[in-house]
Amino acid sequence: MICAYTGAHLAQSQPPTTADILGNLPDVLECTVTRDTDGLFELSLTYPAQGANAGALKVNNWVYSPVGGTMGMQYFRIDQTTEDIGGTVTVHASHVTYNSLAILAAPFSVHNPNDYSNVNFFNWYSELTTAINVIDSTQMGSFSVVGYTDEMLLRPAAYTEPVTLKQAILDAISDRPEIYLNYIDFGYRLWQLPPATGNFSFRIRYGRDMLSFSSSVDATDFYTHVMPYYVADNKMISHNRDVYPLEGLPSEYASLRRIKAINLADYYDDLNASYDLSIVQSIINKWLAANPWNPLPEEISVENIPQEGNTFELGAVGKIYYTPTGAIYTANVVSLTYDVLAERVTSIGINKRQKDVTDTIAGLVQR
């Protein structure tokens, strides 16, 4: 059952008390939850204006709802409401992890001894929480950030201005494709993707289990080769303008040269100087390894995928059998949408290419 709460405790990242309960919402018309491994976790709900406890659907009140996968019930702060002429209220709400956008850390720096390119999780989190407490030792509430191991390697930090907890987390994993955001009730897990071997959480067969692939990217973005570069001192820096095939490119596409220019500065910081060709090549190799050929679209329509026997959760690894060609692909779930009323996952995102980190952060700030 979906229900509503006041923000008396939840706004401070603390579990609610019974006094915070505003009542159940039994008349929900539609409710979906969308989340991904980049920090998106939002709820959309429609409700009749005359429905039971409709008055509780106000900005800064909270909704408690199932979210699918293995997470059970979760809390969402209402940040937008609209009511149409027909008397239907539409609510948008953001998961309690969005409280991290209002948890502020003072400027801080941290890296491993004699290694300016990495920092282990324990040292990073210790410096981060110290910087947060310098501003206000009560602002974390019950919020926590958990690492897969204390020794997992993150990007180093070097902030000269205050930074939000969410921004610091996104920066720490922005150049670590093997790490993704997982969620706990009042916080994040910085988790490692499971290996592509062993037990699979789901199996999908095209043509039997689903109607079709659907993609959120335009077909004009299809490319087989890249020409990596960056700009320093108003000069384009590349490896002799070399063009590289994407790693794992099928042999039938080897002679098809659809080339895309890749600005490496969109993926890696501090590319503001001219480096020798060996260093440029190492950066290119790193990008190619993190962005291999992906024959599958970003999203799959799962209306016909059997839920029984399948578990769809962020980071879960599964098999996709593409029967038109007989190919078998291994895929990680990087986003999902859950229909609360139907109690089923209705779409999943798989194996997305690495996003421009600045675009991701900008989107989160806008939300």
Protein backbone atom coordinates (compact mmCIF):
# COMPACT_ATOMS: atom_id res chain seq x y z
CA MET A 1 0.00 0.00 0.00
CA ILE A 2 1.27 3.47 -0.90
CA CYS A 3 1.02 5.99 1.90
CA ALA A 4 1.96 9.60 2.77
CA TYR A 5 4.16 11.09 5.49
CA THR A 6 5.16 14.51 6.72
CA GLY A 7 8.78 15.55 6.27
CA ALA A 8 9.40 16.19 9.98
CA HIS A 9 12.10 13.52 10.17
CA LEU A 10 12.56 12.35 6.57
CA ALA A 11 13.74 15.80 5.44
CA GLN A 12 16.61 15.37 7.91
CA SER A 13 17.42 11.86 6.63
CA GLN A 14 15.90 10.25 9.71
CA PRO A 15 13.33 7.44 9.78
CA PRO A 16 9.79 8.74 10.30
CA THR A 17 7.81 8.17 13.46
CA THR A 18 4.18 7.07 13.68
CA ALA A 19 3.29 10.73 14.29
CA ASP A 20 4.56 11.51 10.77
CA ILE A 21 2.03 9.23 9.05
CA LEU A 22 -0.62 11.15 7.09
CA GLY A 23 -2.51 8.11 5.83
CA ASN A 24 -2.79 5.56 3.06
CA LEU A 25 -3.36 6.47 -0.60
CA PRO A 26 -5.76 3.73 -1.78
CA ASP A 27 -7.09 5.55 -4.86
CA VAL A 28 -3.87 5.82 -6.89
CA LEU A 29 -4.60 5.84 -10.64
CA GLU A 30 -1.03 5.41 -11.89
CA CYS A 31 2.35 5.16 -10.20
CA THR A 32 5.77 4.44 -11.70
CA VAL A 33 9.27 4.53 -10.25
CA THR A 34 12.36 5.10 -12.39
CA ARG A 35 15.94 4.65 -11.23
CA ASP A 36 19.40 4.17 -12.68
CA THR A 37 23.04 3.71 -11.73
CA ASP A 38 23.84 7.41 -12.20
CA GLY A 39 21.75 8.59 -9.23
CA LEU A 40 18.30 8.96 -10.81
CA PHE A 41 15.54 7.69 -8.50
CA GLU A 42 12.13 9.32 -8.97
CA LEU A 43 8.43 8.59 -8.61
CA SER A 44 5.46 9.79 -10.67
CA LEU A 45 1.94 9.37 -9.31
CA THR A 46 -1.56 10.41 -10.38
CA TYR A 47 -4.45 10.63 -7.92
CA PRO A 48 -8.05 11.86 -7.95
CA ALA A 49 -8.34 15.24 -6.20
CA GLN A 50 -11.29 13.87 -4.22
CA GLY A 51 -9.56 10.61 -3.34
CA ALA A 52 -8.88 9.47 0.22
CA ASN A 53 -6.14 11.56 1.86
CA ALA A 54 -5.58 13.53 -1.37
CA GLY A 55 -4.82 16.55 0.83
CA ALA A 56 -1.60 14.85 1.90
CA LEU A 57 -0.18 15.16 -1.62
CA LYS A 58 1.53 18.49 -1.04
CA VAL A 59 5.04 19.68 -1.80
CA ASN A 60 7.56 18.59 0.87
CA ASN A 61 5.34 15.79 2.14
CA TRP A 62 6.60 12.28 1.41
CA VAL A 63 5.32 9.18 -0.39
CA TYR A 64 6.19 5.65 0.75
CA SER A 65 5.99 3.20 -2.16
CA PRO A 66 7.26 -0.12 -3.51
CA VAL A 67 10.03 0.34 -6.09
CA GLY A 68 10.53 -3.10 -7.60
CA GLY A 69 13.62 -5.25 -7.84
CA THR A 70 14.94 -6.22 -4.41
CA MET A 71 14.48 -2.86 -2.64
CA GLY A 72 10.99 -3.19 -1.18
CA MET A 73 9.42 0.08 0.07
CA GLN A 74 11.16 3.46 -0.25
CA TYR A 75 10.57 7.13 0.66
CA PHE A 76 10.15 9.97 -1.86
CA ARG A 77 9.84 13.71 -1.20
CA ILE A 78 7.12 15.43 -3.22
CA ASP A 79 8.77 18.26 -5.13
CA GLN A 80 6.05 19.08 -7.67
CA THR A 81 2.26 18.79 -7.88
CA THR A 82 -0.24 19.80 -10.57
CA GLU A 83 -4.01 19.46 -10.77
CA ASP A 84 -5.83 19.41 -14.10
CA ILE A 85 -9.32 20.62 -14.90
CA GLY A 86 -10.63 17.08 -14.61
CA GLY A 87 -9.68 16.89 -10.96
CA THR A 88 -6.62 14.66 -11.26
CA VAL A 89 -3.53 15.45 -9.21
CA THR A 90 -0.11 14.57 -10.68
CA VAL A 91 2.79 14.25 -8.28
CA HIS A 92 6.52 14.10 -8.93
CA ALA A 93 8.72 12.97 -6.05
CA SER A 94 12.44 12.32 -5.53
CA HIS A 95 13.97 9.50 -3.52
CA VAL A 96 15.38 10.17 -0.07
CA THR A 97 18.90 9.86 -1.54
CA TYR A 98 18.28 13.29 -3.13
CA ASN A 99 18.76 14.67 0.37
CA SER A 100 22.43 14.38 -0.54
CA LEU A 101 21.97 17.46 -2.74
CA ALA A 102 21.46 19.48 0.45
CA ILE A 103 24.31 17.94 2.47
CA LEU A 104 27.28 20.25 2.08
CA ALA A 105 31.00 19.57 2.55
CA ALA A 106 33.71 22.17 3.02
CA PRO A 107 36.59 22.17 0.48
CA PHE A 108 38.81 19.10 0.95
CA SER A 109 41.51 17.12 -0.82
CA VAL A 110 42.46 13.47 -0.57
CA HIS A 111 44.52 10.93 -2.55
CA ASN A 112 46.56 7.85 -1.75
CA PRO A 113 50.13 8.34 -0.55
CA ASN A 114 52.43 8.83 -3.55
CA ASP A 115 49.49 8.24 -5.91
CA TYR A 116 47.64 11.32 -7.11
CA SER A 117 45.36 9.36 -9.45
CA ASN A 118 43.53 7.21 -6.88
CA VAL A 119 42.18 7.17 -3.36
CA ASN A 120 40.79 4.21 -1.47
CA PHE A 121 37.21 4.40 -0.26
CA PHE A 122 38.03 4.51 3.44
CA ASN A 123 40.32 7.54 3.17
CA TRP A 124 37.95 9.31 0.79
CA TYR A 125 34.91 8.81 3.02
CA SER A 126 36.81 9.82 6.15
CA GLU A 127 37.89 13.12 4.60
CA LEU A 128 34.44 13.69 3.11
CA THR A 129 32.59 13.23 6.40
CA THR A 130 35.12 15.42 8.20
CA ALA A 131 34.50 18.17 5.64
CA ILE A 132 30.73 17.77 6.08
CA ASN A 133 30.98 17.98 9.87
CA VAL A 134 33.03 21.17 9.63
CA ILE A 135 29.94 22.88 8.20
CA ASP A 136 27.24 21.14 10.26
CA SER A 137 27.73 17.90 12.16
CA THR A 138 23.97 17.18 12.21
CA GLN A 139 23.22 17.46 8.49
CA MET A 140 23.96 13.81 7.63
CA GLY A 141 21.24 12.47 9.94
CA SER A 142 21.03 8.72 9.23
CA PHE A 143 22.46 9.17 5.74
CA SER A 144 25.41 6.91 4.92
CA VAL A 145 27.69 6.00 2.03
CA VAL A 146 28.98 2.42 1.90
CA GLY A 147 31.86 1.15 -0.23
CA TYR A 148 32.13 -2.32 -1.71
CA THR A 149 35.43 -2.60 0.17
CA ASP A 150 37.47 -0.08 2.14
CA GLU A 151 40.22 -0.48 -0.44
CA MET A 152 38.13 0.07 -3.57
CA LEU A 153 39.80 2.76 -5.67
CA LEU A 154 37.98 6.00 -6.40
CA ARG A 155 38.99 9.19 -8.13
CA PRO A 156 40.94 11.56 -5.86
CA ALA A 157 39.30 14.75 -4.60
CA ALA A 158 40.68 18.28 -4.72
CA TYR A 159 37.90 20.75 -4.00
CA THR A 160 38.63 24.45 -3.52
CA GLU A 161 34.93 25.31 -3.07
CA PRO A 162 32.11 23.74 -1.04
CA VAL A 163 30.65 20.63 -2.67
CA THR A 164 27.43 18.67 -2.11
CA LEU A 165 27.60 15.08 -0.97
CA LYS A 166 25.95 13.91 -4.21
CA GLN A 167 28.41 15.85 -6.36
CA ALA A 168 31.35 14.37 -4.43
CA ILE A 169 30.00 10.85 -4.93
CA LEU A 170 29.45 11.33 -8.67
CA ASP A 171 32.93 12.79 -9.06
CA ALA A 172 34.47 9.88 -7.14
CA ILE A 173 33.07 7.25 -9.52
CA SER A 174 32.99 9.26 -12.76
CA ASP A 175 36.08 7.56 -14.21
CA ARG A 176 35.38 4.14 -12.73
CA PRO A 177 33.12 2.20 -15.14
CA GLU A 178 33.26 -0.87 -12.92
CA ILE A 179 31.58 1.05 -10.06
CA TYR A 180 27.91 1.97 -10.01
CA LEU A 181 25.50 3.57 -7.56
CA ASN A 182 23.30 1.23 -5.59
CA TYR A 183 20.86 2.40 -2.95
CA ILE A 184 20.01 1.89 0.69
CA ASP A 185 17.15 3.50 2.60
CA PHE A 186 19.12 6.59 3.61
CA GLY A 187 22.19 6.53 1.45
CA TYR A 188 24.23 5.01 -1.34
CA ARG A 189 26.33 1.98 -1.96
CA LEU A 190 29.34 2.48 -4.22
CA TRP A 191 29.15 -1.02 -5.65
CA GLN A 192 31.07 -3.09 -8.17
CA LEU A 193 29.35 -4.62 -11.18
CA PRO A 194 29.12 -8.40 -10.80
CA PRO A 195 31.25 -10.55 -13.09
CA ALA A 196 29.78 -11.59 -16.42
CA THR A 197 30.00 -15.24 -15.42
CA GLY A 198 28.19 -17.40 -12.91
CA ASN A 199 24.52 -17.14 -12.01
CA PHE A 200 22.47 -14.84 -14.22
CA SER A 201 19.57 -12.82 -12.81
CA PHE A 202 17.55 -12.81 -16.00
CA ARG A 203 17.27 -14.40 -19.42
CA ILE A 204 15.46 -12.69 -22.28
CA ARG A 205 14.73 -14.16 -25.70
CA TYR A 206 13.92 -11.78 -28.51
CA GLY A 207 10.84 -12.83 -30.45
CA ARG A 208 9.52 -15.03 -27.66
CA ASP A 209 9.81 -13.06 -24.45
CA MET A 210 9.52 -9.55 -25.84
CA LEU A 211 8.04 -7.76 -28.82
CA SER A 212 11.00 -5.64 -29.81
CA PHE A 213 14.03 -3.67 -28.82
CA SER A 214 13.47 0.04 -28.36
CA SER A 215 16.23 2.59 -28.24
CA SER A 216 16.48 6.03 -26.72
CA VAL A 217 19.20 7.11 -29.14
CA ASP A 218 18.72 8.17 -32.74
CA ALA A 219 20.02 5.78 -35.39
CA THR A 220 22.11 8.60 -36.81
CA ASP A 221 24.37 8.18 -33.79
CA PHE A 222 25.40 4.74 -35.01
CA TYR A 223 29.17 4.53 -35.48
CA THR A 224 31.84 1.85 -35.75
CA HIS A 225 35.06 3.85 -35.41
CA VAL A 226 36.22 6.85 -33.41
CA MET A 227 38.77 9.62 -33.76
CA PRO A 228 39.67 10.62 -30.16
CA TYR A 229 41.00 14.09 -29.41
CA TYR A 230 41.00 16.91 -26.88
CA VAL A 231 41.75 20.62 -27.01
CA ALA A 232 44.58 22.38 -25.14
CA ASP A 233 45.78 25.93 -25.68
CA ASN A 234 43.26 26.27 -28.53
CA LYS A 235 44.91 23.37 -30.33
CA MET A 236 43.44 19.96 -31.10
CA ILE A 237 45.52 17.17 -29.58
CA SER A 238 45.18 13.64 -30.96
CA HIS A 239 47.32 10.63 -31.80
CA ASN A 240 48.21 11.73 -35.32
CA ARG A 241 44.46 11.95 -36.04
CA ASP A 242 44.33 8.14 -35.94
CA VAL A 243 40.98 6.40 -36.27
CA TYR A 244 40.24 3.37 -34.07
CA PRO A 245 37.61 0.63 -34.37
CA LEU A 246 35.48 0.11 -31.28
CA GLU A 247 36.63 -2.83 -29.21
CA GLY A 248 34.60 -5.94 -29.99
CA LEU A 249 33.48 -4.62 -33.37
CA PRO A 250 32.05 -7.59 -35.34
CA SER A 251 34.06 -8.62 -38.38
CA GLU A 252 31.16 -7.84 -40.70
CA TYR A 253 31.43 -4.18 -39.66
CA ALA A 254 35.21 -3.93 -39.91
CA SER A 255 35.07 -2.41 -43.39
CA LEU A 256 32.16 -0.11 -42.51
CA ARG A 257 33.80 3.11 -41.36
CA ARG A 258 31.26 5.29 -39.66
CA ILE A 259 33.55 7.58 -37.68
CA LYS A 260 32.63 9.69 -34.68
CA ALA A 261 34.89 12.34 -33.11
CA ILE A 262 35.26 11.73 -29.38
CA ASN A 263 36.35 14.61 -27.16
CA LEU A 264 38.29 12.86 -24.40
CA ALA A 265 37.89 15.91 -22.16
CA ASP A 266 34.21 14.97 -21.85
CA TYR A 267 35.31 11.83 -20.04
CA TYR A 268 38.57 12.70 -18.27
CA ASP A 269 39.54 15.79 -16.29
CA ASP A 270 42.83 17.68 -16.49
CA LEU A 271 43.31 17.25 -20.23
CA ASN A 272 44.56 20.83 -20.51
CA ALA A 273 48.10 20.33 -21.76
CA SER A 274 49.91 18.77 -24.71
CA TYR A 275 51.19 15.31 -23.79
CA ASP A 276 53.53 13.08 -25.77
CA LEU A 277 52.00 10.49 -28.07
CA SER A 278 52.55 7.58 -25.69
CA ILE A 279 50.47 9.26 -22.98
CA VAL A 280 47.78 10.24 -25.47
CA GLN A 281 47.67 6.63 -26.67
CA SER A 282 47.27 5.34 -23.11
CA ILE A 283 44.31 7.69 -22.58
CA ILE A 284 42.75 6.51 -25.84
CA ASN A 285 43.26 2.86 -24.87
CA LYS A 286 41.51 3.53 -21.58
CA TRP A 287 38.53 5.10 -23.35
CA LEU A 288 38.28 2.26 -25.88
CA ALA A 289 38.27 -0.33 -23.07
CA ALA A 290 35.50 1.52 -21.24
CA ASN A 291 33.37 2.09 -24.35
CA PRO A 292 33.31 -1.11 -26.43
CA TRP A 293 31.02 -1.90 -29.33
CA ASN A 294 27.48 -2.27 -28.06
CA PRO A 295 25.17 -3.95 -30.60
CA LEU A 296 22.16 -3.56 -28.34
CA PRO A 297 20.08 -0.42 -27.93
CA GLU A 298 20.07 1.37 -24.61
CA GLU A 299 16.63 0.24 -23.55
CA ILE A 300 14.50 -2.85 -24.00
CA SER A 301 10.72 -2.93 -24.02
CA VAL A 302 9.87 -5.59 -21.48
CA GLU A 303 6.10 -5.75 -21.76
CA ASN A 304 6.31 -9.38 -22.81
CA ILE A 305 9.29 -10.44 -20.71
CA PRO A 306 8.22 -13.06 -18.16
CA GLN A 307 8.76 -11.75 -14.65
CA GLU A 308 8.75 -15.23 -13.13
CA GLY A 309 12.26 -16.57 -12.85
CA ASN A 310 13.81 -13.20 -13.68
CA THR A 311 15.15 -10.62 -11.24
CA PHE A 312 15.67 -7.11 -12.57
CA GLU A 313 17.83 -4.99 -10.30
CA LEU A 314 20.45 -2.32 -10.93
CA GLY A 315 23.78 -3.96 -11.68
CA ALA A 316 22.21 -7.38 -12.26
CA VAL A 317 23.82 -9.37 -15.06
CA GLY A 318 21.82 -11.50 -17.48
CA LYS A 319 21.73 -13.08 -20.91
CA ILE A 320 19.92 -11.75 -23.97
CA TYR A 321 19.32 -14.19 -26.80
CA TYR A 322 18.93 -12.25 -30.03
CA THR A 323 17.24 -14.91 -32.12
CA PRO A 324 17.23 -13.04 -35.48
CA THR A 325 21.01 -13.54 -35.69
CA GLY A 326 21.48 -16.33 -33.16
CA ALA A 327 23.74 -14.07 -31.08
CA ILE A 328 23.92 -14.24 -27.29
CA TYR A 329 24.84 -11.13 -25.30
CA THR A 330 25.71 -10.57 -21.67
CA ALA A 331 24.18 -7.38 -20.29
CA ASN A 332 24.07 -5.42 -17.04
CA VAL A 333 20.95 -3.58 -15.94
CA VAL A 334 21.76 0.13 -15.62
CA SER A 335 18.22 1.52 -15.33
CA LEU A 336 14.70 0.28 -14.76
CA THR A 337 11.12 1.49 -14.58
CA TYR A 338 8.67 -0.19 -12.20
CA ASP A 339 4.89 -0.02 -12.48
CA VAL A 340 3.78 0.01 -8.85
CA LEU A 341 0.14 -0.90 -9.50
CA ALA A 342 0.95 -3.69 -11.98
CA GLU A 343 3.79 -4.87 -9.71
CA ARG A 344 6.17 -5.45 -12.61
CA VAL A 345 9.21 -3.92 -14.25
CA THR A 346 8.15 -2.37 -17.56
CA SER A 347 11.51 -1.33 -19.04
CA ILE A 348 15.19 -1.85 -18.42
CA GLY A 349 18.27 -0.05 -19.68
CA ILE A 350 21.29 -2.19 -20.47
CA ASN A 351 24.98 -1.66 -21.16
CA LYS A 352 24.66 2.06 -21.76
CA ARG A 353 27.68 3.81 -23.11
CA GLN A 354 29.49 5.93 -20.58
CA LYS A 355 27.72 9.27 -20.36
CA ASP A 356 29.31 12.68 -20.38
CA VAL A 357 29.81 13.15 -16.65
CA THR A 358 29.13 16.88 -16.81
CA ASP A 359 25.80 16.22 -18.52
CA THR A 360 24.86 13.72 -15.85
CA ILE A 361 25.72 16.09 -13.04
CA ALA A 362 23.88 18.97 -14.69
CA GLY A 363 20.78 16.83 -14.99
CA LEU A 364 20.92 15.82 -11.36
CA VAL A 365 21.35 19.41 -10.21
CA GLN A 366 18.32 20.44 -12.25
CA ARG A 367 16.32 17.69 -10.59
